[in-house]
């Protein structure tokens, strides 16, 4: 198995240090940057003559960068990759240049379902800084809508059904087997918004479904939770909705809601991704290394 000549991680990989060391064994020369670049020119300078590039989900490798760095043969995204249009790498242009781009799926989902249940219980029972209703409530029987029924959405649907919640969903594609398993109903997005009290969005990056009209349909006295890594909503529309009585918004990171609403008394955002536990980082690292070794074996 032939090593890369030069491997560059243009930003922190989010892996545990020991796994970064294992990555370094796969190249003759390695450079791992510890900060996040803010300009495309900086990214190009960091890559230089490298033939292997690693990044997480924070930076973006666009056409300009790809054209400026002709030695790139492989780009490894140390984060989720579901579709080219949602990636932080211009995959279509990379393919035209013969560059292989890989990402990872299904490594941090367990932590997300635990985060969702934990935060909802705290709000419904008033065990944190706020309480949803005048009296403490159980999850049992509360109407929840899940938008996006991929791996995370499916885990949440099963978990919330287990806790006795009334679960319905909207997704780009229907999941008839899951509907049957969980006695769960598929609804068009507008119908789902009007039916549920809690909305949880589990969408790919850059997919924005909730606008001002959607929030009006959703109404007040409701809870929005976004477990995507970027807003699933228009931030200005969310800010206006949060100014109405009884509304709350959650995300495991500030980036999931938008900086304009951070600091509001009815907004709760964490500092780290719920899916980046130490266990998840191990699964992520194993898959990142598997992807690289598979490329090296065949090229």
C-alpha atoms as a PDB file:
ATOM      1  CA  UNK A   1       0.000   0.000   0.000  1.00  0.00           C
ATOM      2  CA  UNK A   2       1.597   3.217  -1.230  1.00  0.00           C
ATOM      3  CA  UNK A   3       1.691   6.166   1.144  1.00  0.00           C
ATOM      4  CA  UNK A   4       0.708   9.686   0.158  1.00  0.00           C
ATOM      5  CA  UNK A   5       3.644  11.992  -0.432  1.00  0.00           C
ATOM      6  CA  UNK A   6       2.130  14.790   1.614  1.00  0.00           C
ATOM      7  CA  UNK A   7      -0.988  14.886   3.788  1.00  0.00           C
ATOM      8  CA  UNK A   8      -2.371  18.222   5.000  1.00  0.00           C
ATOM      9  CA  UNK A   9      -5.257  18.704   7.413  1.00  0.00           C
ATOM     10  CA  UNK A  10      -6.303  22.294   6.688  1.00  0.00           C
ATOM     11  CA  UNK A  11      -8.218  22.558   9.982  1.00  0.00           C
ATOM     12  CA  UNK A  12      -8.689  20.479  13.162  1.00  0.00           C
ATOM     13  CA  UNK A  13      -9.994  17.025  12.226  1.00  0.00           C
ATOM     14  CA  UNK A  14     -12.104  16.777  15.420  1.00  0.00           C
ATOM     15  CA  UNK A  15     -10.530  13.359  16.042  1.00  0.00           C
ATOM     16  CA  UNK A  16      -8.821  12.290  19.255  1.00  0.00           C
ATOM     17  CA  UNK A  17      -5.039  12.996  19.225  1.00  0.00           C
ATOM     18  CA  UNK A  18      -4.053   9.330  19.035  1.00  0.00           C
ATOM     19  CA  UNK A  19      -6.065   8.925  15.832  1.00  0.00           C
ATOM     20  CA  UNK A  20      -4.404  11.945  14.258  1.00  0.00           C
ATOM     21  CA  UNK A  21      -1.116  10.159  14.931  1.00  0.00           C
ATOM     22  CA  UNK A  22      -2.397   7.054  13.130  1.00  0.00           C
ATOM     23  CA  UNK A  23      -3.380   9.215  10.160  1.00  0.00           C
ATOM     24  CA  UNK A  24       0.167  10.537   9.985  1.00  0.00           C
ATOM     25  CA  UNK A  25       1.438   6.992   9.375  1.00  0.00           C
ATOM     26  CA  UNK A  26      -0.358   7.025   6.009  1.00  0.00           C
ATOM     27  CA  UNK A  27       1.848   9.711   4.430  1.00  0.00           C
ATOM     28  CA  UNK A  28       5.551  10.462   4.040  1.00  0.00           C
ATOM     29  CA  UNK A  29       5.023  14.057   5.215  1.00  0.00           C
ATOM     30  CA  UNK A  30       2.158  15.442   7.276  1.00  0.00           C
ATOM     31  CA  UNK A  31       1.021  18.886   8.366  1.00  0.00           C
ATOM     32  CA  UNK A  32      -1.990  19.203  10.680  1.00  0.00           C
ATOM     33  CA  UNK A  33      -3.186  22.758  11.280  1.00  0.00           C
ATOM     34  CA  UNK A  34      -4.812  23.561  14.619  1.00  0.00           C
ATOM     35  CA  UNK A  35      -6.875  26.577  13.562  1.00  0.00           C
ATOM     36  CA  UNK A  36      -9.676  27.148  11.053  1.00  0.00           C
ATOM     37  CA  UNK A  37      -8.743  29.135   7.928  1.00  0.00           C
ATOM     38  CA  UNK A  38     -10.991  32.034   6.996  1.00  0.00           C
ATOM     39  CA  UNK A  39      -9.920  32.703   3.396  1.00  0.00           C
ATOM     40  CA  UNK A  40      -9.733  30.540   0.272  1.00  0.00           C
ATOM     41  CA  UNK A  41      -6.210  31.828  -0.356  1.00  0.00           C
ATOM     42  CA  UNK A  42      -5.148  30.585   3.079  1.00  0.00           C
ATOM     43  CA  UNK A  43      -6.599  27.153   2.330  1.00  0.00           C
ATOM     44  CA  UNK A  44      -4.728  27.021  -0.988  1.00  0.00           C
ATOM     45  CA  UNK A  45      -1.490  28.035   0.727  1.00  0.00           C
ATOM     46  CA  UNK A  46      -1.937  25.370   3.388  1.00  0.00           C
ATOM     47  CA  UNK A  47      -2.572  22.653   0.819  1.00  0.00           C
ATOM     48  CA  UNK A  48       0.305  23.693  -1.445  1.00  0.00           C
ATOM     49  CA  UNK A  49       1.733  20.629  -3.196  1.00  0.00           C
ATOM     50  CA  UNK A  50      -0.099  18.065  -1.025  1.00  0.00           C
ATOM     51  CA  UNK A  51      -1.672  15.046  -2.701  1.00  0.00           C
ATOM     52  CA  UNK A  52      -3.938  14.245   0.287  1.00  0.00           C
ATOM     53  CA  UNK A  53      -6.133  16.821   2.013  1.00  0.00           C
ATOM     54  CA  UNK A  54      -8.209  16.365   5.162  1.00  0.00           C
ATOM     55  CA  UNK A  55     -10.845  18.708   6.571  1.00  0.00           C
ATOM     56  CA  UNK A  56     -13.814  18.657   8.921  1.00  0.00           C
ATOM     57  CA  UNK A  57     -17.146  20.408   8.247  1.00  0.00           C
ATOM     58  CA  UNK A  58     -16.034  23.976   8.977  1.00  0.00           C
ATOM     59  CA  UNK A  59     -13.921  25.000   5.967  1.00  0.00           C
ATOM     60  CA  UNK A  60     -14.859  24.896   2.292  1.00  0.00           C
ATOM     61  CA  UNK A  61     -12.761  23.663  -0.622  1.00  0.00           C
ATOM     62  CA  UNK A  62     -14.187  25.317  -3.716  1.00  0.00           C
ATOM     63  CA  UNK A  63     -13.284  25.424  -7.420  1.00  0.00           C
ATOM     64  CA  UNK A  64     -10.735  28.166  -6.795  1.00  0.00           C
ATOM     65  CA  UNK A  65      -8.849  26.054  -4.280  1.00  0.00           C
ATOM     66  CA  UNK A  66      -9.020  22.902  -6.393  1.00  0.00           C
ATOM     67  CA  UNK A  67      -7.639  24.715  -9.438  1.00  0.00           C
ATOM     68  CA  UNK A  68      -4.872  26.320  -7.375  1.00  0.00           C
ATOM     69  CA  UNK A  69      -3.641  22.965  -6.005  1.00  0.00           C
ATOM     70  CA  UNK A  70      -3.017  20.594  -8.954  1.00  0.00           C
ATOM     71  CA  UNK A  71      -1.341  17.846  -6.930  1.00  0.00           C
ATOM     72  CA  UNK A  72      -4.465  16.881  -4.960  1.00  0.00           C
ATOM     73  CA  UNK A  73      -5.451  13.261  -5.571  1.00  0.00           C
ATOM     74  CA  UNK A  74      -7.619  12.620  -2.520  1.00  0.00           C
ATOM     75  CA  UNK A  75      -9.784  14.699  -0.172  1.00  0.00           C
ATOM     76  CA  UNK A  76     -11.019  13.090   3.016  1.00  0.00           C
ATOM     77  CA  UNK A  77     -13.890  14.816   4.807  1.00  0.00           C
ATOM     78  CA  UNK A  78     -13.663  13.949   8.494  1.00  0.00           C
ATOM     79  CA  UNK A  79     -17.385  14.498   8.906  1.00  0.00           C
ATOM     80  CA  UNK A  80     -20.696  13.408   7.420  1.00  0.00           C
ATOM     81  CA  UNK A  81     -21.123  13.363   3.653  1.00  0.00           C
ATOM     82  CA  UNK A  82     -24.547  12.560   2.233  1.00  0.00           C
ATOM     83  CA  UNK A  83     -24.764  14.315  -1.139  1.00  0.00           C
ATOM     84  CA  UNK A  84     -22.533  16.556  -3.306  1.00  0.00           C
ATOM     85  CA  UNK A  85     -24.909  19.514  -3.055  1.00  0.00           C
ATOM     86  CA  UNK A  86     -24.627  19.523   0.751  1.00  0.00           C
ATOM     87  CA  UNK A  87     -20.873  18.996   0.958  1.00  0.00           C
ATOM     88  CA  UNK A  88     -18.267  21.579   1.947  1.00  0.00           C
ATOM     89  CA  UNK A  89     -16.152  20.430  -0.996  1.00  0.00           C
ATOM     90  CA  UNK A  90     -17.019  21.154  -4.632  1.00  0.00           C
ATOM     91  CA  UNK A  91     -17.270  17.450  -5.360  1.00  0.00           C
ATOM     92  CA  UNK A  92     -18.495  17.810  -8.942  1.00  0.00           C
ATOM     93  CA  UNK A  93     -15.499  19.940  -9.904  1.00  0.00           C
ATOM     94  CA  UNK A  94     -13.187  17.612  -7.989  1.00  0.00           C
ATOM     95  CA  UNK A  95     -14.506  14.651  -9.983  1.00  0.00           C
ATOM     96  CA  UNK A  96     -13.790  16.486 -13.235  1.00  0.00           C
ATOM     97  CA  UNK A  97     -10.187  16.818 -12.092  1.00  0.00           C
ATOM     98  CA  UNK A  98      -9.959  13.139 -11.158  1.00  0.00           C
ATOM     99  CA  UNK A  99      -9.876  13.849  -7.418  1.00  0.00           C
ATOM    100  CA  UNK A 100     -11.521  11.308  -5.133  1.00  0.00           C
ATOM    101  CA  UNK A 101     -13.584  12.793  -2.297  1.00  0.00           C
ATOM    102  CA  UNK A 102     -14.809  10.647   0.584  1.00  0.00           C
ATOM    103  CA  UNK A 103     -16.804  11.345   3.717  1.00  0.00           C
ATOM    104  CA  UNK A 104     -18.318   9.419   6.585  1.00  0.00           C
ATOM    105  CA  UNK A 105     -21.817   8.416   7.619  1.00  0.00           C
ATOM    106  CA  UNK A 106     -23.435   7.128  10.784  1.00  0.00           C
ATOM    107  CA  UNK A 107     -20.797   7.724  13.416  1.00  0.00           C
ATOM    108  CA  UNK A 108     -22.267  10.205  15.906  1.00  0.00           C
ATOM    109  CA  UNK A 109     -25.986   9.567  15.888  1.00  0.00           C
ATOM    110  CA  UNK A 110     -26.320   7.947  19.321  1.00  0.00           C
ATOM    111  CA  UNK A 111     -25.285  11.122  21.107  1.00  0.00           C
ATOM    112  CA  UNK A 112     -27.867  13.162  19.206  1.00  0.00           C
ATOM    113  CA  UNK A 113     -30.841  11.144  20.401  1.00  0.00           C
ATOM    114  CA  UNK A 114     -29.582  11.364  23.988  1.00  0.00           C
ATOM    115  CA  UNK A 115     -29.201  15.139  23.643  1.00  0.00           C
ATOM    116  CA  UNK A 116     -32.736  15.536  22.280  1.00  0.00           C
ATOM    117  CA  UNK A 117     -34.383  13.572  25.075  1.00  0.00           C
ATOM    118  CA  UNK A 118     -32.275  15.222  27.763  1.00  0.00           C
ATOM    119  CA  UNK A 119     -33.111  18.767  26.669  1.00  0.00           C
ATOM    120  CA  UNK A 120     -36.812  18.072  26.166  1.00  0.00           C
ATOM    121  CA  UNK A 121     -37.161  16.491  29.612  1.00  0.00           C
ATOM    122  CA  UNK A 122     -35.419  19.478  31.211  1.00  0.00           C
ATOM    123  CA  UNK A 123     -37.768  21.934  29.518  1.00  0.00           C
ATOM    124  CA  UNK A 124     -40.972  19.954  29.967  1.00  0.00           C
ATOM    125  CA  UNK A 125     -40.301  19.240  33.647  1.00  0.00           C
ATOM    126  CA  UNK A 126     -38.735  22.610  34.413  1.00  0.00           C
ATOM    127  CA  UNK A 127     -35.420  21.140  35.522  1.00  0.00           C
ATOM    128  CA  UNK A 128     -33.409  23.839  33.781  1.00  0.00           C
ATOM    129  CA  UNK A 129     -33.737  27.625  33.549  1.00  0.00           C
ATOM    130  CA  UNK A 130     -37.223  27.477  31.976  1.00  0.00           C
ATOM    131  CA  UNK A 131     -40.368  25.356  31.836  1.00  0.00           C
ATOM    132  CA  UNK A 132     -42.525  24.946  28.745  1.00  0.00           C
ATOM    133  CA  UNK A 133     -45.973  25.059  30.366  1.00  0.00           C
ATOM    134  CA  UNK A 134     -47.329  26.274  33.704  1.00  0.00           C
ATOM    135  CA  UNK A 135     -47.068  22.747  35.163  1.00  0.00           C
ATOM    136  CA  UNK A 136     -44.411  20.050  34.638  1.00  0.00           C
ATOM    137  CA  UNK A 137     -45.167  17.666  31.790  1.00  0.00           C
ATOM    138  CA  UNK A 138     -44.134  14.207  30.636  1.00  0.00           C
ATOM    139  CA  UNK A 139     -43.026  13.285  27.149  1.00  0.00           C
ATOM    140  CA  UNK A 140     -45.913  10.837  26.995  1.00  0.00           C
ATOM    141  CA  UNK A 141     -48.516  11.828  24.441  1.00  0.00           C
ATOM    142  CA  UNK A 142     -46.795  15.042  23.331  1.00  0.00           C
ATOM    143  CA  UNK A 143     -47.050  15.553  19.576  1.00  0.00           C
ATOM    144  CA  UNK A 144     -43.641  15.695  17.912  1.00  0.00           C
ATOM    145  CA  UNK A 145     -42.838  16.133  14.229  1.00  0.00           C
ATOM    146  CA  UNK A 146     -39.531  15.021  12.772  1.00  0.00           C
ATOM    147  CA  UNK A 147     -38.364  16.657   9.555  1.00  0.00           C
ATOM    148  CA  UNK A 148     -35.849  14.459   7.767  1.00  0.00           C
ATOM    149  CA  UNK A 149     -36.010  10.697   8.227  1.00  0.00           C
ATOM    150  CA  UNK A 150     -32.420   9.660   7.594  1.00  0.00           C
ATOM    151  CA  UNK A 151     -30.312   7.852  10.168  1.00  0.00           C
ATOM    152  CA  UNK A 152     -30.695  10.534  12.859  1.00  0.00           C
ATOM    153  CA  UNK A 153     -34.388  11.073  12.173  1.00  0.00           C
ATOM    154  CA  UNK A 154     -35.045   7.336  12.351  1.00  0.00           C
ATOM    155  CA  UNK A 155     -33.174   7.021  15.656  1.00  0.00           C
ATOM    156  CA  UNK A 156     -35.149   9.918  17.096  1.00  0.00           C
ATOM    157  CA  UNK A 157     -38.437   8.463  15.855  1.00  0.00           C
ATOM    158  CA  UNK A 158     -37.735   5.119  17.532  1.00  0.00           C
ATOM    159  CA  UNK A 159     -36.521   6.749  20.745  1.00  0.00           C
ATOM    160  CA  UNK A 160     -39.472   9.114  21.040  1.00  0.00           C
ATOM    161  CA  UNK A 161     -41.934   6.362  20.256  1.00  0.00           C
ATOM    162  CA  UNK A 162     -40.332   4.368  23.080  1.00  0.00           C
ATOM    163  CA  UNK A 163     -40.999   7.294  25.436  1.00  0.00           C
ATOM    164  CA  UNK A 164     -44.643   7.344  24.409  1.00  0.00           C
ATOM    165  CA  UNK A 165     -44.597  10.475  22.277  1.00  0.00           C
ATOM    166  CA  UNK A 166     -47.009  10.903  19.366  1.00  0.00           C
ATOM    167  CA  UNK A 167     -44.537  10.880  16.455  1.00  0.00           C
ATOM    168  CA  UNK A 168     -45.214  11.935  12.864  1.00  0.00           C
ATOM    169  CA  UNK A 169     -42.793  13.005  10.163  1.00  0.00           C
ATOM    170  CA  UNK A 170     -42.017  14.696   6.881  1.00  0.00           C
ATOM    171  CA  UNK A 171     -39.171  13.608   4.627  1.00  0.00           C
ATOM    172  CA  UNK A 172     -38.098  13.949   1.016  1.00  0.00           C
ATOM    173  CA  UNK A 173     -38.819  10.242   0.622  1.00  0.00           C
ATOM    174  CA  UNK A 174     -41.368   8.222   2.559  1.00  0.00           C
ATOM    175  CA  UNK A 175     -40.335   5.351   4.829  1.00  0.00           C
ATOM    176  CA  UNK A 176     -43.272   2.887   4.698  1.00  0.00           C
ATOM    177  CA  UNK A 177     -41.500   0.175   6.698  1.00  0.00           C
ATOM    178  CA  UNK A 178     -40.719   2.623   9.483  1.00  0.00           C
ATOM    179  CA  UNK A 179     -44.269   3.958   9.389  1.00  0.00           C
ATOM    180  CA  UNK A 180     -45.561   0.427   9.931  1.00  0.00           C
ATOM    181  CA  UNK A 181     -42.994  -0.394  12.630  1.00  0.00           C
ATOM    182  CA  UNK A 182     -43.725   2.715  14.699  1.00  0.00           C
ATOM    183  CA  UNK A 183     -47.362   3.349  13.748  1.00  0.00           C
ATOM    184  CA  UNK A 184     -46.077   6.692  12.528  1.00  0.00           C
ATOM    185  CA  UNK A 185     -47.790   8.872   9.948  1.00  0.00           C
ATOM    186  CA  UNK A 186     -46.195  10.728   7.053  1.00  0.00           C
ATOM    187  CA  UNK A 187     -47.563  14.250   6.553  1.00  0.00           C
ATOM    188  CA  UNK A 188     -46.752  17.039   4.090  1.00  0.00           C
ATOM    189  CA  UNK A 189     -44.614  19.662   5.809  1.00  0.00           C
ATOM    190  CA  UNK A 190     -47.373  22.277   6.122  1.00  0.00           C
ATOM    191  CA  UNK A 191     -49.753  19.734   7.656  1.00  0.00           C
ATOM    192  CA  UNK A 192     -47.083  18.512  10.058  1.00  0.00           C
ATOM    193  CA  UNK A 193     -46.318  22.055  11.210  1.00  0.00           C
ATOM    194  CA  UNK A 194     -49.933  22.636  12.141  1.00  0.00           C
ATOM    195  CA  UNK A 195     -50.368  19.307  13.948  1.00  0.00           C
ATOM    196  CA  UNK A 196     -47.374  19.086  16.271  1.00  0.00           C
ATOM    197  CA  UNK A 197     -46.167  20.920  19.391  1.00  0.00           C
ATOM    198  CA  UNK A 198     -42.485  20.047  19.004  1.00  0.00           C
ATOM    199  CA  UNK A 199     -40.639  20.154  15.683  1.00  0.00           C
ATOM    200  CA  UNK A 200     -37.228  18.527  15.279  1.00  0.00           C
ATOM    201  CA  UNK A 201     -35.286  19.139  12.080  1.00  0.00           C
ATOM    202  CA  UNK A 202     -32.659  16.589  10.988  1.00  0.00           C
ATOM    203  CA  UNK A 203     -31.572  17.918   7.611  1.00  0.00           C
ATOM    204  CA  UNK A 204     -28.415  18.022   5.551  1.00  0.00           C
ATOM    205  CA  UNK A 205     -26.290  21.142   5.662  1.00  0.00           C
ATOM    206  CA  UNK A 206     -27.621  24.024   3.528  1.00  0.00           C
ATOM    207  CA  UNK A 207     -31.161  22.601   3.388  1.00  0.00           C
ATOM    208  CA  UNK A 208     -33.466  25.369   4.650  1.00  0.00           C
ATOM    209  CA  UNK A 209     -37.162  24.466   4.878  1.00  0.00           C
ATOM    210  CA  UNK A 210     -38.626  26.776   7.517  1.00  0.00           C
ATOM    211  CA  UNK A 211     -39.444  30.340   6.485  1.00  0.00           C
ATOM    212  CA  UNK A 212     -41.798  32.999   7.851  1.00  0.00           C
ATOM    213  CA  UNK A 213     -44.847  31.232   6.424  1.00  0.00           C
ATOM    214  CA  UNK A 214     -43.780  27.931   7.992  1.00  0.00           C
ATOM    215  CA  UNK A 215     -43.405  29.513  11.438  1.00  0.00           C
ATOM    216  CA  UNK A 216     -46.854  31.087  11.140  1.00  0.00           C
ATOM    217  CA  UNK A 217     -48.306  27.646  10.409  1.00  0.00           C
ATOM    218  CA  UNK A 218     -46.379  26.190  13.329  1.00  0.00           C
ATOM    219  CA  UNK A 219     -47.888  28.763  15.685  1.00  0.00           C
ATOM    220  CA  UNK A 220     -47.010  29.729  19.243  1.00  0.00           C
ATOM    221  CA  UNK A 221     -46.438  27.874  22.477  1.00  0.00           C
ATOM    222  CA  UNK A 222     -44.198  25.493  20.528  1.00  0.00           C
ATOM    223  CA  UNK A 223     -40.657  24.071  20.582  1.00  0.00           C
ATOM    224  CA  UNK A 224     -38.214  23.933  17.682  1.00  0.00           C
ATOM    225  CA  UNK A 225     -35.124  21.744  17.947  1.00  0.00           C
ATOM    226  CA  UNK A 226     -32.544  21.617  15.174  1.00  0.00           C
ATOM    227  CA  UNK A 227     -29.971  18.820  15.277  1.00  0.00           C
ATOM    228  CA  UNK A 228     -28.424  19.699  11.915  1.00  0.00           C
ATOM    229  CA  UNK A 229     -25.002  21.367  11.790  1.00  0.00           C
ATOM    230  CA  UNK A 230     -26.459  24.483  10.141  1.00  0.00           C
ATOM    231  CA  UNK A 231     -29.806  26.290  10.323  1.00  0.00           C
ATOM    232  CA  UNK A 232     -32.792  24.479   8.816  1.00  0.00           C
ATOM    233  CA  UNK A 233     -34.628  27.798   8.913  1.00  0.00           C
ATOM    234  CA  UNK A 234     -34.380  31.394   7.825  1.00  0.00           C
ATOM    235  CA  UNK A 235     -32.729  32.983  10.852  1.00  0.00           C
ATOM    236  CA  UNK A 236     -34.735  36.239  10.661  1.00  0.00           C
ATOM    237  CA  UNK A 237     -37.973  34.235  10.597  1.00  0.00           C
ATOM    238  CA  UNK A 238     -36.859  32.233  13.628  1.00  0.00           C
ATOM    239  CA  UNK A 239     -35.967  35.421  15.509  1.00  0.00           C
ATOM    240  CA  UNK A 240     -39.414  36.893  14.869  1.00  0.00           C
ATOM    241  CA  UNK A 241     -41.107  33.635  15.929  1.00  0.00           C
ATOM    242  CA  UNK A 242     -39.075  33.530  19.144  1.00  0.00           C
ATOM    243  CA  UNK A 243     -40.413  36.964  20.057  1.00  0.00           C
ATOM    244  CA  UNK A 244     -43.912  35.471  20.270  1.00  0.00           C
ATOM    245  CA  UNK A 245     -45.195  34.011  23.580  1.00  0.00           C
ATOM    246  CA  UNK A 246     -44.306  30.507  24.718  1.00  0.00           C
ATOM    247  CA  UNK A 247     -41.839  29.581  21.969  1.00  0.00           C
ATOM    248  CA  UNK A 248     -38.481  27.885  22.554  1.00  0.00           C
ATOM    249  CA  UNK A 249     -35.592  26.887  20.280  1.00  0.00           C
ATOM    250  CA  UNK A 250     -32.821  24.347  20.851  1.00  0.00           C
ATOM    251  CA  UNK A 251     -29.707  23.221  19.034  1.00  0.00           C
ATOM    252  CA  UNK A 252     -26.652  21.345  20.211  1.00  0.00           C
ATOM    253  CA  UNK A 253     -24.493  24.128  18.705  1.00  0.00           C
ATOM    254  CA  UNK A 254     -24.909  27.856  18.189  1.00  0.00           C
ATOM    255  CA  UNK A 255     -24.282  27.334  14.473  1.00  0.00           C
ATOM    256  CA  UNK A 256     -27.453  25.251  14.305  1.00  0.00           C
ATOM    257  CA  UNK A 257     -29.632  28.261  15.132  1.00  0.00           C
ATOM    258  CA  UNK A 258     -27.755  31.348  13.921  1.00  0.00           C
ATOM    259  CA  UNK A 259     -25.818  33.949  15.894  1.00  0.00           C
ATOM    260  CA  UNK A 260     -28.666  36.475  15.680  1.00  0.00           C
ATOM    261  CA  UNK A 261     -30.748  34.527  18.213  1.00  0.00           C
ATOM    262  CA  UNK A 262     -28.012  33.343  20.564  1.00  0.00           C
ATOM    263  CA  UNK A 263     -28.432  34.880  24.004  1.00  0.00           C
ATOM    264  CA  UNK A 264     -32.212  35.111  23.940  1.00  0.00           C
ATOM    265  CA  UNK A 265     -33.788  33.768  27.125  1.00  0.00           C
ATOM    266  CA  UNK A 266     -35.836  31.172  25.219  1.00  0.00           C
ATOM    267  CA  UNK A 267     -32.905  29.890  23.144  1.00  0.00           C
ATOM    268  CA  UNK A 268     -30.694  27.031  24.330  1.00  0.00           C
ATOM    269  CA  UNK A 269     -27.593  26.209  22.286  1.00  0.00           C
ATOM    270  CA  UNK A 270     -24.571  24.146  23.203  1.00  0.00           C
ATOM    271  CA  UNK A 271     -20.915  24.631  22.382  1.00  0.00           C
ATOM    272  CA  UNK A 272     -20.181  21.183  20.950  1.00  0.00           C
ATOM    273  CA  UNK A 273     -21.928  18.815  18.578  1.00  0.00           C
ATOM    274  CA  UNK A 274     -23.947  16.191  20.416  1.00  0.00           C
ATOM    275  CA  UNK A 275     -22.605  13.654  17.925  1.00  0.00           C
ATOM    276  CA  UNK A 276     -18.952  14.358  18.788  1.00  0.00           C
ATOM    277  CA  UNK A 277     -18.590  12.227  21.905  1.00  0.00           C
ATOM    278  CA  UNK A 278     -15.350  10.370  22.520  1.00  0.00           C
ATOM    279  CA  UNK A 279     -17.039   7.173  21.289  1.00  0.00           C
ATOM    280  CA  UNK A 280     -18.221   8.919  18.131  1.00  0.00           C
ATOM    281  CA  UNK A 281     -14.743  10.286  17.491  1.00  0.00           C
ATOM    282  CA  UNK A 282     -13.376   6.737  17.553  1.00  0.00           C
ATOM    283  CA  UNK A 283     -16.006   5.556  15.052  1.00  0.00           C
ATOM    284  CA  UNK A 284     -15.317   8.609  12.896  1.00  0.00           C
ATOM    285  CA  UNK A 285     -11.560   8.050  12.924  1.00  0.00           C
ATOM    286  CA  UNK A 286     -11.904   4.378  12.057  1.00  0.00           C
ATOM    287  CA  UNK A 287     -14.048   5.226   9.037  1.00  0.00           C
ATOM    288  CA  UNK A 288     -11.757   8.053   7.910  1.00  0.00           C
ATOM    289  CA  UNK A 289      -8.774   5.700   7.986  1.00  0.00           C
ATOM    290  CA  UNK A 290     -10.720   2.926   6.240  1.00  0.00           C
ATOM    291  CA  UNK A 291     -11.557   5.363   3.437  1.00  0.00           C
ATOM    292  CA  UNK A 292      -7.916   6.381   3.008  1.00  0.00           C
ATOM    293  CA  UNK A 293      -6.635   2.807   3.039  1.00  0.00           C
ATOM    294  CA  UNK A 294      -9.247   1.770   0.476  1.00  0.00           C
ATOM    295  CA  UNK A 295      -8.085   4.589  -1.807  1.00  0.00           C
ATOM    296  CA  UNK A 296      -4.410   3.722  -1.350  1.00  0.00           C
ATOM    297  CA  UNK A 297      -5.087   0.070  -2.077  1.00  0.00           C
ATOM    298  CA  UNK A 298      -6.759   0.837  -5.387  1.00  0.00           C
ATOM    299  CA  UNK A 299      -4.562   3.711  -6.594  1.00  0.00           C
END
